[in-house]
Protein backbone atom coordinates (compact mmCIF):
# COMPACT_ATOMS: atom_id res chain seq x y z
CA MET A 1 -111.49 -87.33 113.47
CA LYS A 2 -109.12 -84.82 115.08
CA GLU A 3 -107.17 -82.66 112.65
CA THR A 4 -103.45 -83.50 113.03
CA SER A 5 -102.06 -80.96 110.60
CA ASN A 6 -99.64 -78.42 112.03
CA HIS A 7 -101.38 -75.79 109.96
CA GLY A 8 -104.92 -74.81 109.21
CA GLU A 9 -108.06 -76.81 108.68
CA LEU A 10 -108.37 -78.36 105.24
CA CYS A 11 -110.62 -76.41 102.87
CA LEU A 12 -111.40 -77.27 99.25
CA ILE A 13 -112.63 -74.59 96.88
CA VAL A 14 -113.90 -76.35 93.78
CA LEU A 15 -114.75 -74.17 90.82
CA LYS A 16 -117.71 -75.14 88.66
CA SER A 17 -115.32 -76.30 85.92
CA ALA A 18 -113.95 -79.08 88.15
CA ARG A 19 -117.09 -79.92 90.11
CA GLU A 20 -117.29 -83.62 89.20
CA LEU A 21 -113.62 -84.26 89.95
CA GLY A 22 -113.77 -82.16 93.13
CA ILE A 23 -116.63 -84.19 94.60
CA LEU A 24 -114.70 -87.42 93.94
CA VAL A 25 -111.58 -85.97 95.56
CA ASP A 26 -113.56 -84.89 98.64
CA GLU A 27 -115.01 -88.39 99.01
CA LYS A 28 -111.57 -89.95 98.70
CA ILE A 29 -110.10 -87.59 101.31
CA LYS A 30 -112.85 -88.52 103.76
CA ALA A 31 -112.12 -92.20 103.13
CA LEU A 32 -108.40 -91.68 103.70
CA ARG A 33 -109.15 -89.93 106.99
CA ASN A 34 -111.80 -92.47 107.99
CA GLU A 35 -114.36 -89.71 108.42
CA GLN A 36 -117.70 -91.44 108.84
CA ASP A 37 -120.04 -88.44 108.86
CA SER A 38 -121.95 -88.60 105.58
CA GLU A 39 -122.87 -84.91 105.89
CA LEU A 40 -119.25 -83.80 106.21
CA SER A 41 -117.65 -82.10 103.24
CA HIS A 42 -114.33 -80.28 102.96
CA ILE A 43 -115.69 -78.32 99.99
CA LEU A 44 -116.48 -74.71 100.75
CA ALA A 45 -119.59 -73.46 98.98
CA ILE A 46 -118.98 -70.56 96.62
CA GLU A 47 -121.04 -68.53 94.18
CA GLU A 48 -119.69 -67.96 90.67
CA ILE A 49 -121.76 -65.06 89.45
CA ARG A 50 -121.98 -63.80 85.86
CA PHE A 51 -123.60 -60.54 84.83
CA SER A 52 -125.43 -60.24 81.52
CA ASN A 53 -122.57 -58.26 79.96
CA GLY A 54 -120.05 -61.02 80.68
CA GLU A 55 -118.48 -59.59 83.83
CA GLY A 56 -118.31 -61.84 86.85
CA LYS A 57 -117.47 -62.22 90.50
CA VAL A 58 -116.88 -65.00 93.03
CA LYS A 59 -118.35 -64.99 96.51
CA LEU A 60 -117.26 -67.32 99.33
CA ASP A 61 -120.13 -68.54 101.50
CA ASP A 62 -117.96 -68.95 104.61
CA SER A 63 -114.72 -67.72 106.15
CA VAL A 64 -111.37 -69.20 105.15
CA ARG A 65 -109.39 -67.42 107.86
CA GLY A 66 -106.48 -69.58 109.03
CA LYS A 67 -107.41 -72.49 106.75
CA ASP A 68 -105.28 -74.40 104.28
CA VAL A 69 -107.10 -73.77 101.03
CA TYR A 70 -106.84 -75.97 97.93
CA VAL A 71 -108.42 -74.46 94.82
CA LEU A 72 -109.33 -76.97 92.10
CA VAL A 73 -109.98 -75.73 88.56
CA ASP A 74 -110.23 -77.24 85.06
CA VAL A 75 -109.31 -74.53 82.55
CA GLY A 76 -110.08 -76.95 79.72
CA ASN A 77 -113.78 -77.39 80.53
CA TYR A 78 -115.64 -75.91 77.58
CA SER A 79 -119.06 -77.17 78.69
CA ILE A 80 -119.70 -74.35 81.19
CA THR A 81 -121.99 -71.71 79.68
CA TYR A 82 -123.58 -68.43 80.74
CA PRO A 83 -125.93 -65.92 79.04
CA MET A 84 -124.26 -62.78 77.68
CA PHE A 85 -126.21 -60.19 75.70
CA SER A 86 -128.90 -62.87 75.11
CA TYR A 87 -126.32 -65.30 73.68
CA GLU A 88 -125.22 -68.56 75.32
CA ASN A 89 -121.48 -68.13 75.80
CA HIS A 90 -119.07 -71.00 76.49
CA MET A 91 -116.32 -70.37 79.02
CA GLY A 92 -112.79 -70.75 77.67
CA PRO A 93 -109.43 -71.09 79.46
CA ASP A 94 -109.08 -67.32 79.86
CA GLU A 95 -112.38 -67.08 81.75
CA HIS A 96 -111.62 -70.08 83.96
CA TYR A 97 -108.25 -68.58 84.83
CA GLN A 98 -109.93 -65.24 85.59
CA ASP A 99 -112.22 -67.04 88.06
CA VAL A 100 -109.16 -68.43 89.84
CA LYS A 101 -107.98 -64.87 90.37
CA ARG A 102 -111.45 -63.92 91.60
CA VAL A 103 -111.25 -66.72 94.20
CA LEU A 104 -107.87 -65.44 95.36
CA SER A 105 -109.26 -61.94 95.59
CA ALA A 106 -112.22 -63.20 97.64
CA ILE A 107 -109.83 -65.04 99.98
CA GLY A 108 -108.13 -61.69 100.51
CA GLY A 109 -104.98 -63.04 102.14
CA LYS A 110 -106.89 -64.48 105.11
CA ALA A 111 -106.10 -68.15 104.44
CA ASN A 112 -103.12 -69.77 106.10
CA ARG A 113 -101.87 -71.33 102.85
CA VAL A 114 -103.26 -71.39 99.34
CA THR A 115 -102.57 -74.17 96.84
CA ILE A 116 -103.83 -74.04 93.27
CA ILE A 117 -104.51 -77.45 91.70
CA MET A 118 -104.69 -76.80 87.98
CA PRO A 119 -104.17 -80.18 86.28
CA LEU A 120 -104.24 -78.75 82.75
CA LEU A 121 -101.91 -75.80 83.14
CA TYR A 122 -103.32 -72.57 81.76
CA ALA A 123 -101.73 -71.52 78.44
CA SER A 124 -99.22 -74.36 78.74
CA ARG A 125 -98.67 -74.48 74.98
CA GLN A 126 -97.72 -70.79 74.97
CA HIS A 127 -94.74 -71.33 77.23
CA LYS A 128 -91.88 -69.88 75.20
CA ARG A 129 -91.35 -66.98 72.89
CA LYS A 130 -90.49 -67.28 69.22
CA GLY A 131 -90.44 -63.78 67.83
CA ARG A 132 -92.92 -61.06 68.80
CA GLU A 133 -95.46 -63.09 70.75
CA SER A 134 -96.89 -63.33 74.23
CA LEU A 135 -95.64 -65.48 77.10
CA ASP A 136 -99.04 -66.33 78.53
CA CYS A 137 -98.10 -69.24 80.78
CA ALA A 138 -95.14 -67.50 82.42
CA LEU A 139 -97.22 -64.35 82.95
CA ALA A 140 -100.00 -66.37 84.60
CA LEU A 141 -97.61 -68.15 86.95
CA ASN A 142 -96.04 -64.86 88.00
CA GLU A 143 -99.49 -63.41 88.54
CA LEU A 144 -100.56 -66.31 90.78
CA GLU A 145 -97.34 -65.97 92.76
CA ASN A 146 -97.97 -62.25 93.28
CA LEU A 147 -101.55 -62.96 94.36
CA GLY A 148 -100.28 -64.99 97.32
CA VAL A 149 -100.42 -68.56 96.04
CA ASP A 150 -98.02 -70.76 98.00
CA THR A 151 -98.02 -73.85 95.76
CA ILE A 152 -99.14 -74.64 92.23
CA ILE A 153 -99.84 -78.28 91.35
CA SER A 154 -100.22 -79.34 87.75
CA PHE A 155 -100.09 -82.61 85.82
CA ASP A 156 -97.92 -83.55 82.86
CA VAL A 157 -97.10 -79.97 81.88
CA HIS A 158 -96.42 -79.48 78.18
CA ASP A 159 -92.95 -78.11 78.97
CA PRO A 160 -91.82 -78.85 82.57
CA THR A 161 -89.15 -76.13 82.45
CA ILE A 162 -91.91 -73.52 82.74
CA TYR A 163 -91.40 -73.67 86.52
CA ASN A 164 -88.29 -71.55 85.90
CA ALA A 165 -90.72 -68.65 85.51
CA ILE A 166 -91.34 -68.72 89.29
CA PRO A 167 -88.06 -69.98 90.81
CA ASN A 168 -88.96 -68.80 94.33
CA SER A 169 -92.32 -70.56 94.49
CA SER A 170 -93.36 -74.18 94.90
CA PHE A 171 -94.41 -75.73 91.59
CA GLU A 172 -95.22 -79.44 91.38
CA ASN A 173 -95.47 -81.10 87.97
CA ILE A 174 -96.95 -84.54 88.57
CA TYR A 175 -97.12 -87.40 86.09
CA PRO A 176 -100.04 -89.85 86.02
CA THR A 177 -97.88 -92.64 84.56
CA TYR A 178 -98.55 -95.17 87.31
CA SER A 179 -102.33 -94.70 87.19
CA MET A 180 -102.32 -94.90 83.39
CA LEU A 181 -100.35 -98.14 83.32
CA LYS A 182 -102.36 -99.63 86.17
CA SER A 183 -105.57 -99.05 84.23
CA PHE A 184 -103.98 -100.27 81.00
CA ILE A 185 -102.86 -103.58 82.50
CA ALA A 186 -106.15 -104.05 84.37
CA ASN A 187 -108.12 -103.70 81.13
CA GLU A 188 -105.80 -105.35 78.62
CA GLY A 189 -104.53 -108.21 80.80
CA ASN A 190 -101.38 -108.94 82.78
CA ASN A 191 -99.61 -110.48 79.79
CA ILE A 192 -100.12 -107.49 77.51
CA LEU A 193 -96.53 -106.31 77.93
CA LYS A 194 -95.00 -109.71 77.23
CA ASP A 195 -96.32 -109.91 73.69
CA ASN A 196 -93.87 -107.83 71.68
CA MET A 197 -94.96 -104.33 72.64
CA VAL A 198 -93.24 -101.14 71.48
CA VAL A 199 -93.80 -97.62 72.85
CA ILE A 200 -93.89 -94.85 70.23
CA SER A 201 -93.51 -91.10 70.64
CA PRO A 202 -95.57 -89.06 68.15
CA ASP A 203 -92.83 -86.40 67.92
CA THR A 204 -89.47 -85.34 69.33
CA GLY A 205 -91.08 -83.31 72.12
CA ALA A 206 -92.71 -86.38 73.68
CA MET A 207 -89.65 -88.58 73.37
CA ASP A 208 -88.63 -88.34 77.04
CA ARG A 209 -92.08 -89.57 78.06
CA ALA A 210 -91.92 -92.49 75.62
CA VAL A 211 -88.42 -93.46 76.77
CA TYR A 212 -89.60 -93.51 80.38
CA TYR A 213 -92.60 -95.71 79.55
CA ALA A 214 -90.37 -98.06 77.55
CA ASN A 215 -87.69 -98.30 80.27
CA VAL A 216 -90.04 -99.08 83.16
CA LEU A 217 -91.95 -101.57 81.02
CA GLY A 218 -88.84 -103.15 79.56
CA VAL A 219 -89.92 -102.79 75.93
CA ASP A 220 -88.58 -101.18 72.76
CA VAL A 221 -89.15 -97.52 71.83
CA GLY A 222 -89.61 -95.65 68.56
CA MET A 223 -90.44 -92.14 67.39
CA PHE A 224 -92.13 -90.27 64.58
CA TYR A 225 -90.47 -87.18 63.16
CA LYS A 226 -92.78 -84.45 61.93
CA ARG A 227 -91.64 -82.87 58.68
CA ARG A 228 -93.22 -79.42 58.56
CA ASP A 229 -93.68 -76.82 55.87
CA HIS A 230 -91.91 -73.82 57.39
CA THR A 231 -92.94 -71.58 54.50
CA ARG A 232 -96.57 -71.52 55.66
CA ILE A 233 -98.51 -70.99 58.89
CA VAL A 234 -101.94 -72.55 59.33
CA ASN A 235 -103.88 -71.96 62.57
CA GLY A 236 -100.73 -70.62 64.19
CA LYS A 237 -98.56 -73.64 63.26
CA ASN A 238 -96.41 -74.83 60.39
CA PRO A 239 -98.45 -77.61 58.75
CA ILE A 240 -97.11 -81.17 58.88
CA ILE A 241 -96.07 -82.55 55.49
CA GLN A 242 -95.19 -86.09 56.53
CA HIS A 243 -94.60 -88.31 59.57
CA GLU A 244 -91.40 -90.36 59.33
CA TYR A 245 -90.87 -93.32 61.67
CA ILE A 246 -87.52 -93.72 63.40
CA GLY A 247 -86.98 -96.98 65.27
CA GLY A 248 -86.89 -100.75 65.02
CA PRO A 249 -89.38 -102.94 63.14
CA VAL A 250 -92.96 -102.88 64.42
CA ASP A 251 -94.40 -105.67 62.26
CA GLY A 252 -96.51 -108.05 64.34
CA LYS A 253 -96.10 -105.97 67.51
CA LYS A 254 -98.51 -104.23 69.83
CA VAL A 255 -97.97 -100.46 69.78
CA MET A 256 -98.59 -97.90 72.53
CA ILE A 257 -98.48 -94.27 71.39
CA VAL A 258 -97.91 -91.93 74.37
CA ASP A 259 -98.34 -88.17 74.51
CA ASP A 260 -99.34 -85.44 76.94
CA MET A 261 -102.25 -84.04 74.96
CA ILE A 262 -104.59 -84.79 72.08
CA ALA A 263 -106.06 -81.58 70.67
CA SER A 264 -107.52 -82.07 67.20
CA GLY A 265 -105.92 -85.52 67.09
CA GLU A 266 -104.68 -85.07 63.52
CA SER A 267 -101.11 -86.02 64.41
CA ILE A 268 -102.14 -89.19 66.27
CA ILE A 269 -104.56 -90.14 63.49
CA ASP A 270 -101.87 -89.72 60.81
CA ILE A 271 -99.48 -91.90 62.82
CA ILE A 272 -102.08 -94.62 63.36
CA ASN A 273 -102.87 -94.68 59.65
CA GLU A 274 -99.15 -94.86 58.89
CA ILE A 275 -98.25 -97.74 61.20
CA SER A 276 -101.46 -99.70 60.59
CA ASN A 277 -99.97 -100.60 57.19
CA LYS A 278 -97.11 -102.42 58.92
CA ASN A 279 -99.03 -105.51 60.10
CA ILE A 280 -99.47 -104.17 63.65
CA SER A 281 -101.02 -106.57 66.16
CA ALA A 282 -102.81 -103.85 68.18
CA ILE A 283 -102.66 -100.07 68.62
CA TYR A 284 -103.22 -98.26 71.91
CA VAL A 285 -103.01 -94.55 72.70
CA ALA A 286 -102.21 -93.12 76.15
CA SER A 287 -102.61 -89.38 76.58
CA THR A 288 -102.97 -87.43 79.81
CA TYR A 289 -105.44 -85.00 78.21
CA ALA A 290 -107.83 -85.72 75.36
CA LEU A 291 -109.47 -82.48 74.24
CA PHE A 292 -110.91 -83.69 70.92
CA THR A 293 -111.17 -80.10 69.68
CA GLU A 294 -112.43 -81.29 66.29
CA GLY A 295 -114.70 -84.07 67.51
CA ILE A 296 -114.29 -87.84 67.62
CA THR A 297 -115.69 -88.95 64.27
CA LYS A 298 -112.23 -89.83 62.94
CA PHE A 299 -111.45 -91.89 66.04
CA ASP A 300 -114.74 -93.77 65.59
CA LYS A 301 -113.68 -94.52 62.03
CA LEU A 302 -110.26 -95.80 63.14
CA TYR A 303 -111.95 -98.13 65.64
CA GLU A 304 -114.40 -99.40 63.04
CA GLN A 305 -111.50 -100.09 60.67
CA GLY A 306 -109.68 -102.05 63.38
CA LYS A 307 -106.83 -99.54 63.51
CA LEU A 308 -107.44 -98.35 67.09
CA ASN A 309 -107.99 -100.75 69.98
CA ARG A 310 -108.24 -98.35 72.90
CA LEU A 311 -107.48 -94.77 73.88
CA TYR A 312 -106.60 -94.08 77.52
CA THR A 313 -106.84 -90.64 79.09
CA THR A 314 -107.43 -89.15 82.54
CA ASN A 315 -110.39 -87.36 84.11
CA LEU A 316 -108.15 -84.38 84.92
CA SER A 317 -109.97 -82.35 82.29
CA TYR A 318 -113.52 -82.38 80.96
CA ILE A 319 -114.66 -85.32 78.84
CA PRO A 320 -118.22 -85.27 77.40
CA ASP A 321 -120.50 -88.20 78.25
CA GLU A 322 -120.83 -89.14 74.58
CA VAL A 323 -117.07 -89.71 74.43
CA ARG A 324 -116.99 -91.76 77.63
CA GLN A 325 -119.51 -94.15 76.13
CA ARG A 326 -117.36 -94.95 73.10
CA PRO A 327 -116.11 -98.59 73.01
CA TRP A 328 -112.56 -97.43 72.24
CA PHE A 329 -112.41 -94.91 75.09
CA MET A 330 -111.08 -95.63 78.59
CA GLN A 331 -110.98 -92.98 81.32
CA VAL A 332 -108.41 -93.22 84.12
CA ASP A 333 -109.63 -91.82 87.44
CA LEU A 334 -107.04 -89.64 89.22
CA SER A 335 -109.28 -88.51 92.08
CA LYS A 336 -107.75 -90.85 94.66
CA PHE A 337 -104.24 -89.80 93.64
CA ILE A 338 -105.13 -86.12 94.03
CA ALA A 339 -106.81 -86.86 97.37
CA LYS A 340 -103.63 -88.54 98.62
CA ILE A 341 -101.56 -85.54 97.55
CA ILE A 342 -103.87 -83.06 99.29
CA ASN A 343 -104.16 -85.17 102.43
CA THR A 344 -100.38 -85.60 102.62
CA LEU A 345 -99.60 -81.92 102.08
CA SER A 346 -102.23 -80.84 104.61
CA HIS A 347 -100.32 -82.81 107.26
CA ASP A 348 -96.99 -81.23 106.26
CA GLU A 349 -95.60 -84.52 104.97
CA SER A 350 -93.51 -85.10 101.87
CA ILE A 351 -95.32 -86.21 98.72
CA SER A 352 -92.11 -87.63 97.22
CA PRO A 353 -93.19 -91.27 97.83
CA LEU A 354 -96.40 -90.57 95.89
CA LEU A 355 -94.45 -89.10 93.00
CA ASP A 356 -92.03 -92.04 92.74
CA ALA A 357 -93.82 -93.75 89.88
CA THR A 358 -90.91 -96.03 88.98
CA THR A 359 -90.98 -97.99 92.24
CA ARG A 360 -94.76 -98.31 92.17
CA ILE A 361 -94.81 -99.42 88.52
CA ARG A 362 -92.16 -102.07 89.12
CA ARG A 363 -94.15 -103.37 92.07
CA LEU A 364 -97.25 -103.38 89.88
CA LEU A 365 -95.54 -105.36 87.15
CA LYS A 366 -94.24 -107.95 89.63
CA ASN A 367 -97.61 -108.47 91.22
CA ALA A 368 -99.95 -110.14 88.74
CA SER A 369 -102.78 -110.07 91.25
CA TYR A 370 -102.29 -106.47 92.43
CA LYS A 371 -104.99 -104.70 94.37
CA ASN A 372 -106.10 -101.05 94.34
CA GLU A 373 -103.93 -98.96 96.56
């Protein structure tokens, strides 16, 4: 199929951390473009090399001169390992981010345009300064801008105002709300929202997200307030003393707890245990990222106790196979959505219609027999 973009040929550079998602995105792009050649791939082969002392380099196996390059990386993938001084070392966010810079260095300014697709934004929880501490996320964004990146695409950023760190560059913060709700309704049934559902925010920071969910779904909203002990710091945070619910009655209702990220899950677990004593009909959790930094044993226990019906999250960041096989776990595939974004941008068209979740959700809710778009 003839390339119709006004700019360069589409080129995907998929780092090892995002390999599974990148292959799905490539397949979806070929389907969108009706490219029939089974041997065709938009993914440029690269070599991610690690030396035994931990140093590394990235080598491109072909030229990117004049191409529109999209670099896909998952800074949250902790499954990637390499030998260092005879130890098996797991790559962390810092190392994944360093590899992004290595890719940009290998490109050497020869690409026509460079777009970084980093769904889980690097250092997104270190986005503002309180006292004498680093501003990791802002520093990283400035660094990418200075390295010649034209556009940065991320999903459900912890604090969307971080784009103020690079006011002269293109920064897209995209929400997977439509895909999450589409999967939720497909799995739980079309009438799930008609049976007394309430959306709950786990804290004040996620309240805007919960209000949006509640408004488009036409249901009630509530919030938990985290009372913290500000006299102590544990693992870099003030420990939570108690969760206090603010909102209308939830007795006999279905509850959807929405958040951007589950790390250890302690906060979500505390909230589920709290509201499960209120005669809740069903409890669902929807989180863009589920890191499970302290394992999933406690979530297994909640499911066994009948306190957790299902947890929905995306495939934007690494999820181990053992988690995917859990009966309470449901993964939402965003590969087609990302493919549409890349395909649209590569033809110099606006992605605004793709980002208008409200219109798409309302159409979804009206159409009981909706089909995959």
